[in-house]
Amino acid sequence: MAIKKCPGMDPAYFKPEDIQMHRCLECGQELEFWKDDVKLKCAHCGQNNFNPNLGNTCLVWCKEAAKCVGNDDINEWIEKHNLN
């Protein structure tokens, strides 16, 4: 059974300001991060980039975050930032 997304991570409730452009750490290519994107692979160079705004979302503290966004990338981000 799939978990129902909370309104904070449901794209139906996203606003334009929930989308941020950031440059790839490797090549500088612009990447479009939605607030529920944990990481994106740059189409230009293949580098994985974590969402720089992730620390400002409920994904950081919510125990259901991985189920909510449908991937375990959030757990990798939490481990990388020593938030366990």
C-alpha atoms as a PDB file:
ATOM      1  CA  MET A   1       0.000   0.000   0.000  1.00  0.00           C
ATOM      2  CA  ALA A   2       1.419   3.389  -1.002  1.00  0.00           C
ATOM      3  CA  ILE A   3       1.672   6.097   1.584  1.00  0.00           C
ATOM      4  CA  LYS A   4      -0.353   9.233   0.902  1.00  0.00           C
ATOM      5  CA  LYS A   5       1.875  12.275   0.529  1.00  0.00           C
ATOM      6  CA  CYS A   6       1.474  15.035   3.039  1.00  0.00           C
ATOM      7  CA  PRO A   7       0.406  18.407   1.567  1.00  0.00           C
ATOM      8  CA  GLY A   8       3.944  19.744   2.065  1.00  0.00           C
ATOM      9  CA  MET A   9       5.368  17.292  -0.503  1.00  0.00           C
ATOM     10  CA  ASP A  10       2.355  16.864  -2.783  1.00  0.00           C
ATOM     11  CA  PRO A  11       3.151  18.513  -6.159  1.00  0.00           C
ATOM     12  CA  ALA A  12      -0.513  19.502  -6.445  1.00  0.00           C
ATOM     13  CA  TYR A  13       0.182  22.102  -3.732  1.00  0.00           C
ATOM     14  CA  PHE A  14       3.551  23.337  -5.037  1.00  0.00           C
ATOM     15  CA  LYS A  15       3.988  27.024  -5.820  1.00  0.00           C
ATOM     16  CA  PRO A  16       6.415  28.575  -8.337  1.00  0.00           C
ATOM     17  CA  GLU A  17       8.812  29.429  -5.499  1.00  0.00           C
ATOM     18  CA  ASP A  18       9.058  25.707  -4.689  1.00  0.00           C
ATOM     19  CA  ILE A  19      11.204  25.304  -7.831  1.00  0.00           C
ATOM     20  CA  GLN A  20      14.793  26.527  -7.612  1.00  0.00           C
ATOM     21  CA  MET A  21      17.571  26.650 -10.173  1.00  0.00           C
ATOM     22  CA  HIS A  22      21.054  25.646  -8.988  1.00  0.00           C
ATOM     23  CA  ARG A  23      24.280  24.963 -10.830  1.00  0.00           C
ATOM     24  CA  CYS A  24      25.863  21.512 -11.060  1.00  0.00           C
ATOM     25  CA  LEU A  25      28.807  21.279  -8.678  1.00  0.00           C
ATOM     26  CA  GLU A  26      30.921  19.632 -11.375  1.00  0.00           C
ATOM     27  CA  CYS A  27      30.245  21.492 -14.635  1.00  0.00           C
ATOM     28  CA  GLY A  28      28.071  24.495 -13.742  1.00  0.00           C
ATOM     29  CA  GLN A  29      25.081  23.395 -15.855  1.00  0.00           C
ATOM     30  CA  GLU A  30      21.765  24.714 -14.472  1.00  0.00           C
ATOM     31  CA  LEU A  31      19.584  22.138 -12.721  1.00  0.00           C
ATOM     32  CA  GLU A  32      15.907  22.581 -11.852  1.00  0.00           C
ATOM     33  CA  PHE A  33      15.212  21.330  -8.331  1.00  0.00           C
ATOM     34  CA  TRP A  34      11.642  20.937  -7.145  1.00  0.00           C
ATOM     35  CA  LYS A  35      11.334  20.939  -3.364  1.00  0.00           C
ATOM     36  CA  ASP A  36      10.751  17.169  -3.306  1.00  0.00           C
ATOM     37  CA  ASP A  37      13.886  16.437  -5.386  1.00  0.00           C
ATOM     38  CA  VAL A  38      16.541  14.984  -3.117  1.00  0.00           C
ATOM     39  CA  LYS A  39      19.216  14.703  -5.787  1.00  0.00           C
ATOM     40  CA  LEU A  40      19.463  15.108  -9.535  1.00  0.00           C
ATOM     41  CA  LYS A  41      21.936  13.695 -12.002  1.00  0.00           C
ATOM     42  CA  CYS A  42      23.298  16.370 -14.313  1.00  0.00           C
ATOM     43  CA  ALA A  43      22.347  15.554 -17.904  1.00  0.00           C
ATOM     44  CA  HIS A  44      25.503  17.298 -19.108  1.00  0.00           C
ATOM     45  CA  CYS A  45      28.234  15.582 -17.032  1.00  0.00           C
ATOM     46  CA  GLY A  46      26.469  12.831 -15.040  1.00  0.00           C
ATOM     47  CA  GLN A  47      27.373  14.267 -11.607  1.00  0.00           C
ATOM     48  CA  ASN A  48      24.859  13.592  -8.801  1.00  0.00           C
ATOM     49  CA  ASN A  49      23.867  16.827  -7.057  1.00  0.00           C
ATOM     50  CA  PHE A  50      21.906  17.049  -3.820  1.00  0.00           C
ATOM     51  CA  ASN A  51      19.199  19.696  -3.560  1.00  0.00           C
ATOM     52  CA  PRO A  52      20.825  22.667  -1.766  1.00  0.00           C
ATOM     53  CA  ASN A  53      17.454  23.637  -0.209  1.00  0.00           C
ATOM     54  CA  LEU A  54      16.719  20.192   1.205  1.00  0.00           C
ATOM     55  CA  GLY A  55      17.607  21.234   4.762  1.00  0.00           C
ATOM     56  CA  ASN A  56      14.640  23.626   4.712  1.00  0.00           C
ATOM     57  CA  THR A  57      12.035  20.901   4.119  1.00  0.00           C
ATOM     58  CA  CYS A  58      10.181  18.362   6.243  1.00  0.00           C
ATOM     59  CA  LEU A  59      12.165  15.607   4.485  1.00  0.00           C
ATOM     60  CA  VAL A  60      15.004  16.203   6.935  1.00  0.00           C
ATOM     61  CA  TRP A  61      13.080  15.440  10.129  1.00  0.00           C
ATOM     62  CA  CYS A  62      10.109  13.306   9.042  1.00  0.00           C
ATOM     63  CA  LYS A  63      10.570   9.581   9.715  1.00  0.00           C
ATOM     64  CA  GLU A  64       8.327   8.773   6.719  1.00  0.00           C
ATOM     65  CA  ALA A  65      10.348  10.916   4.274  1.00  0.00           C
ATOM     66  CA  ALA A  66      11.765   8.067   2.173  1.00  0.00           C
ATOM     67  CA  LYS A  67       8.295   6.567   1.716  1.00  0.00           C
ATOM     68  CA  CYS A  68       6.739   9.975   1.065  1.00  0.00           C
ATOM     69  CA  VAL A  69       9.059  10.929  -1.797  1.00  0.00           C
ATOM     70  CA  GLY A  70       9.310   7.342  -3.001  1.00  0.00           C
ATOM     71  CA  ASN A  71      13.074   6.850  -2.767  1.00  0.00           C
ATOM     72  CA  ASP A  72      15.882   6.331  -0.271  1.00  0.00           C
ATOM     73  CA  ASP A  73      18.026   9.259  -1.471  1.00  0.00           C
ATOM     74  CA  ILE A  74      16.886  11.214   1.582  1.00  0.00           C
ATOM     75  CA  ASN A  75      18.555   8.627   3.851  1.00  0.00           C
ATOM     76  CA  GLU A  76      21.827   9.077   1.931  1.00  0.00           C
ATOM     77  CA  TRP A  77      21.535  12.866   2.368  1.00  0.00           C
ATOM     78  CA  ILE A  78      20.841  12.532   6.116  1.00  0.00           C
ATOM     79  CA  GLU A  79      23.860  10.225   6.563  1.00  0.00           C
ATOM     80  CA  LYS A  80      26.086  12.576   4.532  1.00  0.00           C
ATOM     81  CA  HIS A  81      25.090  15.475   6.793  1.00  0.00           C
ATOM     82  CA  ASN A  82      25.378  13.434  10.034  1.00  0.00           C
ATOM     83  CA  LEU A  83      21.766  14.038  11.064  1.00  0.00           C
ATOM     84  CA  ASN A  84      20.994  10.502  12.327  1.00  0.00           C
END
